[in-house]
Amino acid sequence: MKPKILATALAAALLVGLPVAGPLGPTPALARDLVKATAALVLAEEPPLSRTQVIEKQRREAAATASLPQKKEVDQTPYYKKWWFW
């Protein structure tokens, strides 16, 4: 329950603080997106991956797909219908 209270307090602080920033501050839509992103991070059960973890995950996925043998398509045409037979 504590993370929800923290997220609510953080969202309220962002909503109250951002419009006071003046004409150079973020627009209300940007502030709303920022609040949603912050709340999603606070309510996440596990912390987001760091840049190095993301790169390592992409590297592992690329290695896994590269190591898979490529299947050759089996031609279902009978040999007597091939051009080289005649």
PDB file of N, CA and C in Angstrom:
ATOM      1  N   MET A   1       0.827  -1.198   0.000  1.00  0.00           N
ATOM      2  CA  MET A   1       0.000   0.000   0.000  1.00  0.00           C
ATOM      3  C   MET A   1       0.866   1.255   0.000  1.00  0.00           C
ATOM      4  N   LYS A   2       2.068   1.153   0.564  1.00  0.00           N
ATOM      5  CA  LYS A   2       2.947   2.295   0.654  1.00  0.00           C
ATOM      6  C   LYS A   2       3.342   2.857  -0.708  1.00  0.00           C
ATOM      7  N   PRO A   3       3.651   1.999  -1.703  1.00  0.00           N
ATOM      8  CA  PRO A   3       4.016   2.567  -3.010  1.00  0.00           C
ATOM      9  C   PRO A   3       2.878   3.363  -3.652  1.00  0.00           C
ATOM     10  N   LYS A   4       1.637   2.952  -3.441  1.00  0.00           N
ATOM     11  CA  LYS A   4       0.511   3.687  -4.011  1.00  0.00           C
ATOM     12  C   LYS A   4       0.384   5.070  -3.381  1.00  0.00           C
ATOM     13  N   ILE A   5       0.610   5.142  -2.085  1.00  0.00           N
ATOM     14  CA  ILE A   5       0.543   6.434  -1.403  1.00  0.00           C
ATOM     15  C   ILE A   5       1.676   7.326  -1.896  1.00  0.00           C
ATOM     16  N   LEU A   6       2.861   6.728  -2.040  1.00  0.00           N
ATOM     17  CA  LEU A   6       4.005   7.484  -2.542  1.00  0.00           C
ATOM     18  C   LEU A   6       3.747   7.978  -3.962  1.00  0.00           C
ATOM     19  N   ALA A   7       3.189   7.134  -4.804  1.00  0.00           N
ATOM     20  CA  ALA A   7       2.892   7.521  -6.187  1.00  0.00           C
ATOM     21  C   ALA A   7       1.863   8.639  -6.226  1.00  0.00           C
ATOM     22  N   THR A   8       0.855   8.536  -5.386  1.00  0.00           N
ATOM     23  CA  THR A   8      -0.180   9.570  -5.341  1.00  0.00           C
ATOM     24  C   THR A   8       0.413  10.900  -4.878  1.00  0.00           C
ATOM     25  N   ALA A   9       1.250  10.855  -3.869  1.00  0.00           N
ATOM     26  CA  ALA A   9       1.868  12.077  -3.363  1.00  0.00           C
ATOM     27  C   ALA A   9       2.796  12.680  -4.417  1.00  0.00           C
ATOM     28  N   LEU A  10       3.539  11.835  -5.100  1.00  0.00           N
ATOM     29  CA  LEU A  10       4.437  12.322  -6.138  1.00  0.00           C
ATOM     30  C   LEU A  10       3.655  12.925  -7.299  1.00  0.00           C
ATOM     31  N   ALA A  11       2.578  12.282  -7.696  1.00  0.00           N
ATOM     32  CA  ALA A  11       1.755  12.802  -8.785  1.00  0.00           C
ATOM     33  C   ALA A  11       1.134  14.144  -8.401  1.00  0.00           C
ATOM     34  N   ALA A  12       0.658  14.247  -7.173  1.00  0.00           N
ATOM     35  CA  ALA A  12       0.062  15.505  -6.719  1.00  0.00           C
ATOM     36  C   ALA A  12       1.119  16.612  -6.694  1.00  0.00           C
ATOM     37  N   ALA A  13       2.327  16.285  -6.244  1.00  0.00           N
ATOM     38  CA  ALA A  13       3.388  17.283  -6.202  1.00  0.00           C
ATOM     39  C   ALA A  13       3.764  17.738  -7.605  1.00  0.00           C
ATOM     40  N   LEU A  14       3.812  16.812  -8.529  1.00  0.00           N
ATOM     41  CA  LEU A  14       4.142  17.176  -9.907  1.00  0.00           C
ATOM     42  C   LEU A  14       3.047  18.036 -10.529  1.00  0.00           C
ATOM     43  N   LEU A  15       1.798  17.681 -10.288  1.00  0.00           N
ATOM     44  CA  LEU A  15       0.694  18.455 -10.851  1.00  0.00           C
ATOM     45  C   LEU A  15       0.636  19.863 -10.269  1.00  0.00           C
ATOM     46  N   VAL A  16       0.934  19.990  -9.004  1.00  0.00           N
ATOM     47  CA  VAL A  16       0.896  21.300  -8.368  1.00  0.00           C
ATOM     48  C   VAL A  16       2.115  22.124  -8.767  1.00  0.00           C
ATOM     49  N   GLY A  17       3.276  21.496  -8.876  1.00  0.00           N
ATOM     50  CA  GLY A  17       4.508  22.232  -9.127  1.00  0.00           C
ATOM     51  C   GLY A  17       4.722  22.611 -10.578  1.00  0.00           C
ATOM     52  N   LEU A  18       4.296  21.829 -11.511  1.00  0.00           N
ATOM     53  CA  LEU A  18       4.590  22.097 -12.911  1.00  0.00           C
ATOM     54  C   LEU A  18       3.831  23.279 -13.499  1.00  0.00           C
ATOM     55  N   PRO A  19       2.531  23.451 -13.242  1.00  0.00           N
ATOM     56  CA  PRO A  19       1.870  24.619 -13.835  1.00  0.00           C
ATOM     57  C   PRO A  19       2.407  25.944 -13.314  1.00  0.00           C
ATOM     58  N   VAL A  20       3.026  25.967 -12.143  1.00  0.00           N
ATOM     59  CA  VAL A  20       3.574  27.192 -11.584  1.00  0.00           C
ATOM     60  C   VAL A  20       4.841  27.608 -12.331  1.00  0.00           C
ATOM     61  N   ALA A  21       5.405  26.693 -13.125  1.00  0.00           N
ATOM     62  CA  ALA A  21       6.668  26.954 -13.806  1.00  0.00           C
ATOM     63  C   ALA A  21       6.576  28.127 -14.768  1.00  0.00           C
ATOM     64  N   GLY A  22       5.399  28.514 -15.191  1.00  0.00           N
ATOM     65  CA  GLY A  22       5.246  29.667 -16.059  1.00  0.00           C
ATOM     66  C   GLY A  22       5.159  29.290 -17.523  1.00  0.00           C
ATOM     67  N   PRO A  23       5.254  30.298 -18.408  1.00  0.00           N
ATOM     68  CA  PRO A  23       5.084  30.034 -19.837  1.00  0.00           C
ATOM     69  C   PRO A  23       6.201  29.183 -20.421  1.00  0.00           C
ATOM     70  N   LEU A  24       7.351  29.140 -19.790  1.00  0.00           N
ATOM     71  CA  LEU A  24       8.445  28.317 -20.299  1.00  0.00           C
ATOM     72  C   LEU A  24       8.387  26.897 -19.780  1.00  0.00           C
ATOM     73  N   GLY A  25       7.479  26.629 -18.869  1.00  0.00           N
ATOM     74  CA  GLY A  25       7.353  25.294 -18.291  1.00  0.00           C
ATOM     75  C   GLY A  25       6.655  24.336 -19.245  1.00  0.00           C
ATOM     76  N   PRO A  26       6.567  23.083 -18.868  1.00  0.00           N
ATOM     77  CA  PRO A  26       5.942  22.080 -19.718  1.00  0.00           C
ATOM     78  C   PRO A  26       4.445  22.302 -19.867  1.00  0.00           C
ATOM     79  N   THR A  27       3.902  21.810 -20.945  1.00  0.00           N
ATOM     80  CA  THR A  27       2.467  21.925 -21.179  1.00  0.00           C
ATOM     81  C   THR A  27       1.740  20.945 -20.277  1.00  0.00           C
ATOM     82  N   PRO A  28       0.428  21.136 -20.053  1.00  0.00           N
ATOM     83  CA  PRO A  28      -0.320  20.208 -19.202  1.00  0.00           C
ATOM     84  C   PRO A  28      -0.286  18.771 -19.723  1.00  0.00           C
ATOM     85  N   ALA A  29      -0.293  18.595 -21.049  1.00  0.00           N
ATOM     86  CA  ALA A  29      -0.251  17.238 -21.593  1.00  0.00           C
ATOM     87  C   ALA A  29       1.087  16.583 -21.271  1.00  0.00           C
ATOM     88  N   LEU A  30       2.166  17.349 -21.375  1.00  0.00           N
ATOM     89  CA  LEU A  30       3.488  16.820 -21.058  1.00  0.00           C
ATOM     90  C   LEU A  30       3.583  16.498 -19.566  1.00  0.00           C
ATOM     91  N   ALA A  31       3.013  17.352 -18.749  1.00  0.00           N
ATOM     92  CA  ALA A  31       3.015  17.115 -17.309  1.00  0.00           C
ATOM     93  C   ALA A  31       2.229  15.851 -16.977  1.00  0.00           C
ATOM     94  N   ARG A  32       1.113  15.648 -17.653  1.00  0.00           N
ATOM     95  CA  ARG A  32       0.291  14.462 -17.421  1.00  0.00           C
ATOM     96  C   ARG A  32       1.065  13.195 -17.820  1.00  0.00           C
ATOM     97  N   ASP A  33       1.778  13.254 -18.951  1.00  0.00           N
ATOM     98  CA  ASP A  33       2.579  12.102 -19.377  1.00  0.00           C
ATOM     99  C   ASP A  33       3.705  11.831 -18.394  1.00  0.00           C
ATOM    100  N   LEU A  34       4.305  12.890 -17.867  1.00  0.00           N
ATOM    101  CA  LEU A  34       5.373  12.750 -16.897  1.00  0.00           C
ATOM    102  C   LEU A  34       4.853  12.106 -15.614  1.00  0.00           C
ATOM    103  N   VAL A  35       3.676  12.497 -15.199  1.00  0.00           N
ATOM    104  CA  VAL A  35       3.080  11.922 -13.996  1.00  0.00           C
ATOM    105  C   VAL A  35       2.780  10.445 -14.219  1.00  0.00           C
ATOM    106  N   LYS A  36       2.248  10.103 -15.386  1.00  0.00           N
ATOM    107  CA  LYS A  36       1.940   8.697 -15.682  1.00  0.00           C
ATOM    108  C   LYS A  36       3.215   7.855 -15.701  1.00  0.00           C
ATOM    109  N   ALA A  37       4.261   8.378 -16.318  1.00  0.00           N
ATOM    110  CA  ALA A  37       5.518   7.633 -16.386  1.00  0.00           C
ATOM    111  C   ALA A  37       6.131   7.461 -14.999  1.00  0.00           C
ATOM    112  N   THR A  38       6.067   8.507 -14.189  1.00  0.00           N
ATOM    113  CA  THR A  38       6.618   8.435 -12.838  1.00  0.00           C
ATOM    114  C   THR A  38       5.827   7.458 -11.989  1.00  0.00           C
ATOM    115  N   ALA A  39       4.514   7.500 -12.095  1.00  0.00           N
ATOM    116  CA  ALA A  39       3.676   6.572 -11.332  1.00  0.00           C
ATOM    117  C   ALA A  39       3.927   5.138 -11.771  1.00  0.00           C
ATOM    118  N   ALA A  40       4.125   4.912 -13.065  1.00  0.00           N
ATOM    119  CA  ALA A  40       4.397   3.561 -13.555  1.00  0.00           C
ATOM    120  C   ALA A  40       5.723   3.047 -12.994  1.00  0.00           C
ATOM    121  N   LEU A  41       6.725   3.913 -12.905  1.00  0.00           N
ATOM    122  CA  LEU A  41       8.008   3.498 -12.332  1.00  0.00           C
ATOM    123  C   LEU A  41       7.887   3.196 -10.845  1.00  0.00           C
ATOM    124  N   VAL A  42       7.129   4.020 -10.133  1.00  0.00           N
ATOM    125  CA  VAL A  42       6.983   3.832  -8.693  1.00  0.00           C
ATOM    126  C   VAL A  42       6.201   2.557  -8.399  1.00  0.00           C
ATOM    127  N   LEU A  43       5.180   2.287  -9.198  1.00  0.00           N
ATOM    128  CA  LEU A  43       4.329   1.126  -8.945  1.00  0.00           C
ATOM    129  C   LEU A  43       4.888  -0.166  -9.541  1.00  0.00           C
ATOM    130  N   ALA A  44       5.951  -0.089 -10.294  1.00  0.00           N
ATOM    131  CA  ALA A  44       6.526  -1.291 -10.896  1.00  0.00           C
ATOM    132  C   ALA A  44       7.052  -2.202  -9.794  1.00  0.00           C
ATOM    133  N   GLU A  45       6.842  -3.494  -9.992  1.00  0.00           N
ATOM    134  CA  GLU A  45       7.287  -4.444  -8.982  1.00  0.00           C
ATOM    135  C   GLU A  45       8.797  -4.656  -9.033  1.00  0.00           C
ATOM    136  N   GLU A  46       9.383  -4.542 -10.195  1.00  0.00           N
ATOM    137  CA  GLU A  46      10.827  -4.681 -10.311  1.00  0.00           C
ATOM    138  C   GLU A  46      11.395  -3.407 -10.937  1.00  0.00           C
ATOM    139  N   PRO A  47      12.604  -3.063 -10.601  1.00  0.00           N
ATOM    140  CA  PRO A  47      13.168  -1.833 -11.148  1.00  0.00           C
ATOM    141  C   PRO A  47      13.411  -1.962 -12.653  1.00  0.00           C
ATOM    142  N   PRO A  48      13.378  -0.863 -13.370  1.00  0.00           N
ATOM    143  CA  PRO A  48      13.633  -0.929 -14.807  1.00  0.00           C
ATOM    144  C   PRO A  48      15.078  -1.342 -15.082  1.00  0.00           C
ATOM    145  N   LEU A  49      15.291  -1.927 -16.244  1.00  0.00           N
ATOM    146  CA  LEU A  49      16.623  -2.389 -16.612  1.00  0.00           C
ATOM    147  C   LEU A  49      17.532  -1.197 -16.905  1.00  0.00           C
ATOM    148  N   SER A  50      18.796  -1.354 -16.549  1.00  0.00           N
ATOM    149  CA  SER A  50      19.761  -0.311 -16.871  1.00  0.00           C
ATOM    150  C   SER A  50      20.144  -0.436 -18.341  1.00  0.00           C
ATOM    151  N   ARG A  51      20.864   0.546 -18.839  1.00  0.00           N
ATOM    152  CA  ARG A  51      21.262   0.546 -20.250  1.00  0.00           C
ATOM    153  C   ARG A  51      22.138  -0.662 -20.580  1.00  0.00           C
ATOM    154  N   THR A  52      23.061  -0.991 -19.672  1.00  0.00           N
ATOM    155  CA  THR A  52      23.938  -2.133 -19.925  1.00  0.00           C
ATOM    156  C   THR A  52      23.159  -3.443 -19.918  1.00  0.00           C
ATOM    157  N   GLN A  53      22.151  -3.540 -19.062  1.00  0.00           N
ATOM    158  CA  GLN A  53      21.333  -4.748 -19.028  1.00  0.00           C
ATOM    159  C   GLN A  53      20.518  -4.886 -20.309  1.00  0.00           C
ATOM    160  N   VAL A  54      20.010  -3.773 -20.824  1.00  0.00           N
ATOM    161  CA  VAL A  54      19.236  -3.808 -22.066  1.00  0.00           C
ATOM    162  C   VAL A  54      20.134  -4.223 -23.230  1.00  0.00           C
ATOM    163  N   ILE A  55      21.331  -3.667 -23.290  1.00  0.00           N
ATOM    164  CA  ILE A  55      22.268  -4.006 -24.367  1.00  0.00           C
ATOM    165  C   ILE A  55      22.664  -5.471 -24.285  1.00  0.00           C
ATOM    166  N   GLU A  56      22.912  -5.964 -23.076  1.00  0.00           N
ATOM    167  CA  GLU A  56      23.276  -7.370 -22.905  1.00  0.00           C
ATOM    168  C   GLU A  56      22.123  -8.288 -23.314  1.00  0.00           C
ATOM    169  N   LYS A  57      20.903  -7.905 -22.987  1.00  0.00           N
ATOM    170  CA  LYS A  57      19.735  -8.704 -23.371  1.00  0.00           C
ATOM    171  C   LYS A  57      19.599  -8.743 -24.897  1.00  0.00           C
ATOM    172  N   GLN A  58      19.788  -7.603 -25.558  1.00  0.00           N
ATOM    173  CA  GLN A  58      19.719  -7.566 -27.019  1.00  0.00           C
ATOM    174  C   GLN A  58      20.826  -8.415 -27.632  1.00  0.00           C
ATOM    175  N   ARG A  59      22.008  -8.377 -27.042  1.00  0.00           N
ATOM    176  CA  ARG A  59      23.135  -9.162 -27.540  1.00  0.00           C
ATOM    177  C   ARG A  59      22.848 -10.664 -27.421  1.00  0.00           C
ATOM    178  N   ARG A  60      22.269 -11.077 -26.278  1.00  0.00           N
ATOM    179  CA  ARG A  60      21.923 -12.494 -26.090  1.00  0.00           C
ATOM    180  C   ARG A  60      20.863 -12.949 -27.084  1.00  0.00           C
ATOM    181  N   GLU A  61      19.842 -12.090 -27.311  1.00  0.00           N
ATOM    182  CA  GLU A  61      18.790 -12.441 -28.265  1.00  0.00           C
ATOM    183  C   GLU A  61      19.342 -12.563 -29.677  1.00  0.00           C
ATOM    184  N   ALA A  62      20.248 -11.663 -30.051  1.00  0.00           N
ATOM    185  CA  ALA A  62      20.848 -11.721 -31.381  1.00  0.00           C
ATOM    186  C   ALA A  62      21.698 -12.980 -31.532  1.00  0.00           C
ATOM    187  N   ALA A  63      22.423 -13.346 -30.486  1.00  0.00           N
ATOM    188  CA  ALA A  63      23.246 -14.550 -30.543  1.00  0.00           C
ATOM    189  C   ALA A  63      22.373 -15.799 -30.626  1.00  0.00           C
ATOM    190  N   ALA A  64      21.244 -15.783 -29.924  1.00  0.00           N
ATOM    191  CA  ALA A  64      20.356 -16.944 -29.953  1.00  0.00           C
ATOM    192  C   ALA A  64      19.734 -17.129 -31.333  1.00  0.00           C
ATOM    193  N   THR A  65      19.336 -16.041 -31.980  1.00  0.00           N
ATOM    194  CA  THR A  65      18.735 -16.158 -33.308  1.00  0.00           C
ATOM    195  C   THR A  65      19.782 -16.487 -34.357  1.00  0.00           C
ATOM    196  N   ALA A  66      21.029 -16.024 -34.158  1.00  0.00           N
ATOM    197  CA  ALA A  66      22.092 -16.302 -35.132  1.00  0.00           C
ATOM    198  C   ALA A  66      22.544 -17.756 -35.044  1.00  0.00           C
ATOM    199  N   SER A  67      22.461 -18.349 -33.858  1.00  0.00           N
ATOM    200  CA  SER A  67      22.938 -19.720 -33.693  1.00  0.00           C
ATOM    201  C   SER A  67      21.927 -20.758 -34.161  1.00  0.00           C
ATOM    202  N   LEU A  68      20.693 -20.345 -34.373  1.00  0.00           N
ATOM    203  CA  LEU A  68      19.689 -21.292 -34.859  1.00  0.00           C
ATOM    204  C   LEU A  68      19.980 -21.646 -36.313  1.00  0.00           C
ATOM    205  N   PRO A  69      19.942 -22.934 -36.637  1.00  0.00           N
ATOM    206  CA  PRO A  69      20.175 -23.291 -38.040  1.00  0.00           C
ATOM    207  C   PRO A  69      18.996 -22.858 -38.906  1.00  0.00           C
ATOM    208  N   GLN A  70      19.322 -22.345 -40.064  1.00  0.00           N
ATOM    209  CA  GLN A  70      18.284 -21.894 -40.983  1.00  0.00           C
ATOM    210  C   GLN A  70      17.700 -23.109 -41.692  1.00  0.00           C
ATOM    211  N   LYS A  71      16.391 -23.233 -41.663  1.00  0.00           N
ATOM    212  CA  LYS A  71      15.728 -24.354 -42.324  1.00  0.00           C
ATOM    213  C   LYS A  71      15.656 -24.086 -43.823  1.00  0.00           C
ATOM    214  N   LYS A  72      16.007 -25.089 -44.577  1.00  0.00           N
ATOM    215  CA  LYS A  72      15.846 -24.984 -46.016  1.00  0.00           C
ATOM    216  C   LYS A  72      14.428 -25.387 -46.357  1.00  0.00           C
ATOM    217  N   GLU A  73      13.858 -24.665 -47.277  1.00  0.00           N
ATOM    218  CA  GLU A  73      12.504 -25.001 -47.684  1.00  0.00           C
ATOM    219  C   GLU A  73      12.541 -26.271 -48.522  1.00  0.00           C
ATOM    220  N   VAL A  74      11.693 -27.189 -48.156  1.00  0.00           N
ATOM    221  CA  VAL A  74      11.609 -28.437 -48.897  1.00  0.00           C
ATOM    222  C   VAL A  74      10.637 -28.231 -50.044  1.00  0.00           C
ATOM    223  N   ASP A  75      11.108 -28.519 -51.236  1.00  0.00           N
ATOM    224  CA  ASP A  75      10.263 -28.359 -52.419  1.00  0.00           C
ATOM    225  C   ASP A  75       9.331 -29.564 -52.512  1.00  0.00           C
ATOM    226  N   GLN A  76       8.044 -29.307 -52.566  1.00  0.00           N
ATOM    227  CA  GLN A  76       7.049 -30.379 -52.610  1.00  0.00           C
ATOM    228  C   GLN A  76       6.734 -30.856 -54.026  1.00  0.00           C
ATOM    229  N   THR A  77       7.366 -30.253 -55.017  1.00  0.00           N
ATOM    230  CA  THR A  77       7.107 -30.627 -56.399  1.00  0.00           C
ATOM    231  C   THR A  77       7.764 -31.980 -56.690  1.00  0.00           C
ATOM    232  N   PRO A  78       7.031 -32.915 -57.286  1.00  0.00           N
ATOM    233  CA  PRO A  78       7.644 -34.207 -57.615  1.00  0.00           C
ATOM    234  C   PRO A  78       8.755 -34.036 -58.652  1.00  0.00           C
ATOM    235  N   TYR A  79       9.710 -34.964 -58.648  1.00  0.00           N
ATOM    236  CA  TYR A  79      10.869 -34.828 -59.532  1.00  0.00           C
ATOM    237  C   TYR A  79      10.487 -34.860 -61.002  1.00  0.00           C
ATOM    238  N   TYR A  80       9.435 -35.584 -61.366  1.00  0.00           N
ATOM    239  CA  TYR A  80       9.068 -35.677 -62.780  1.00  0.00           C
ATOM    240  C   TYR A  80       8.423 -34.395 -63.305  1.00  0.00           C
ATOM    241  N   LYS A  81       8.125 -33.445 -62.413  1.00  0.00           N
ATOM    242  CA  LYS A  81       7.591 -32.158 -62.852  1.00  0.00           C
ATOM    243  C   LYS A  81       8.659 -31.062 -62.846  1.00  0.00           C
ATOM    244  N   LYS A  82       9.874 -31.418 -62.539  1.00  0.00           N
ATOM    245  CA  LYS A  82      10.962 -30.443 -62.534  1.00  0.00           C
ATOM    246  C   LYS A  82      11.469 -30.226 -63.952  1.00  0.00           C
ATOM    247  N   TRP A  83      12.047 -29.073 -64.201  1.00  0.00           N
ATOM    248  CA  TRP A  83      12.510 -28.739 -65.546  1.00  0.00           C
ATOM    249  C   TRP A  83      13.706 -29.596 -65.954  1.00  0.00           C
ATOM    250  N   TRP A  84      14.541 -29.948 -64.977  1.00  0.00           N
ATOM    251  CA  TRP A  84      15.750 -30.681 -65.315  1.00  0.00           C
ATOM    252  C   TRP A  84      15.479 -32.152 -65.637  1.00  0.00           C
ATOM    253  N   PHE A  85      14.300 -32.661 -65.263  1.00  0.00           N
ATOM    254  CA  PHE A  85      13.976 -34.064 -65.553  1.00  0.00           C
ATOM    255  C   PHE A  85      13.725 -34.265 -67.034  1.00  0.00           C
ATOM    256  N   TRP A  86      13.158 -33.273 -67.692  1.00  0.00           N
ATOM    257  CA  TRP A  86      12.812 -33.405 -69.102  1.00  0.00           C
ATOM    258  C   TRP A  86      13.883 -32.784 -69.919  1.00  0.00           C
TER     259      TRP A  86
END
